Protein backbone atom coordinates (compact mmCIF):
# COMPACT_ATOMS: atom_id res chain seq x y z
CA MET A 1 -0.02 0.05 -0.01
CA PHE A 2 2.63 2.62 1.03
CA LYS A 3 5.83 2.10 -1.16
CA CYS A 4 8.84 4.25 -2.13
CA ALA A 5 8.83 5.05 -5.80
CA TRP A 6 12.34 3.49 -6.25
CA LEU A 7 11.33 0.03 -4.72
CA PRO A 8 10.04 -2.75 -6.75
CA PRO A 9 6.26 -3.25 -6.14
CA THR A 10 6.31 -5.99 -3.66
CA SER A 11 4.76 -5.19 -0.05
CA PRO A 12 4.43 -2.12 2.26
CA THR A 13 7.65 -0.86 3.52
CA ALA A 14 8.74 0.95 6.58
CA TRP A 15 9.57 4.01 4.59
CA GLY A 16 6.10 4.19 3.27
CA ALA A 17 4.63 4.03 6.83
CA ILE A 18 7.01 6.80 7.80
CA THR A 19 5.96 8.88 4.77
CA ALA A 20 2.33 8.37 5.73
CA PHE A 21 3.08 9.38 9.33
CA ALA A 22 4.77 12.51 8.12
CA ALA A 23 1.84 13.51 5.89
CA LEU A 24 -0.44 12.93 8.77
CA VAL A 25 1.48 15.22 11.04
CA LEU A 26 1.58 17.90 8.46
CA LYS A 27 -2.14 17.78 8.05
CA VAL A 28 -2.74 17.80 11.82
CA LEU A 29 -0.35 20.70 12.17
CA GLY A 30 -2.18 22.61 9.31
CA ASN A 31 -5.69 21.82 10.87
CA GLY A 32 -4.40 23.14 14.17
CA LEU A 33 -3.08 26.38 12.61
CA ILE A 34 -6.48 26.80 10.99
CA LEU A 35 -8.27 26.30 14.30
CA MET A 36 -5.92 28.86 15.97
CA GLY A 37 -7.04 31.36 13.33
CA THR A 38 -3.67 32.06 11.68
CA SER A 39 -3.53 33.69 8.31
CA TYR A 40 -3.14 31.47 5.25
CA TYR A 41 0.37 32.86 4.47
CA VAL A 42 1.52 32.08 7.99
CA GLN A 43 0.22 28.63 7.64
CA ASP A 44 2.12 28.19 4.32
CA MET A 45 5.35 29.51 5.71
CA ALA A 46 5.16 27.30 8.77
CA LEU A 47 4.52 24.16 6.84
CA GLY A 48 7.11 25.19 4.26
CA ALA A 49 9.73 25.66 6.86
CA ILE A 50 8.99 22.21 8.38
CA ILE A 51 9.33 20.69 4.94
CA ILE A 52 12.57 22.56 4.14
CA GLY A 53 13.91 21.52 7.59
CA SER A 54 13.06 17.86 7.07
CA VAL A 55 14.63 17.72 3.66
CA ALA A 56 17.74 19.46 4.90
CA PHE A 57 18.06 16.93 7.84
CA SER A 58 17.42 14.05 5.35
CA ALA A 59 20.06 15.31 3.00
CA SER A 60 22.66 15.83 5.86
CA ALA A 61 21.90 12.28 7.21
CA LEU A 62 22.42 10.82 3.66
CA LYS A 63 25.55 12.73 3.04
CA LYS A 64 27.00 11.64 6.44
CA ALA A 65 26.12 8.04 5.63
CA ALA A 66 27.69 8.35 2.09
CA PHE A 67 30.93 9.72 3.16
CA LYS A 68 31.34 7.52 6.25
CA ILE A 69 34.33 5.27 5.81
């Protein structure tokens, strides 16, 4: 059901579950911002900052793993 795009279509993977969990967290955060009454541009900035931060963290972790001897 949840698969990474680069894996052959076999069975659900842990990465797919992590992706689904991250999407759920972003939706809950977005809903919370709406309920708090924040402006739409503040919501977009907050969610964008979280996405950029997670991509930066992932890239740095992959870079460390790639250059580890």
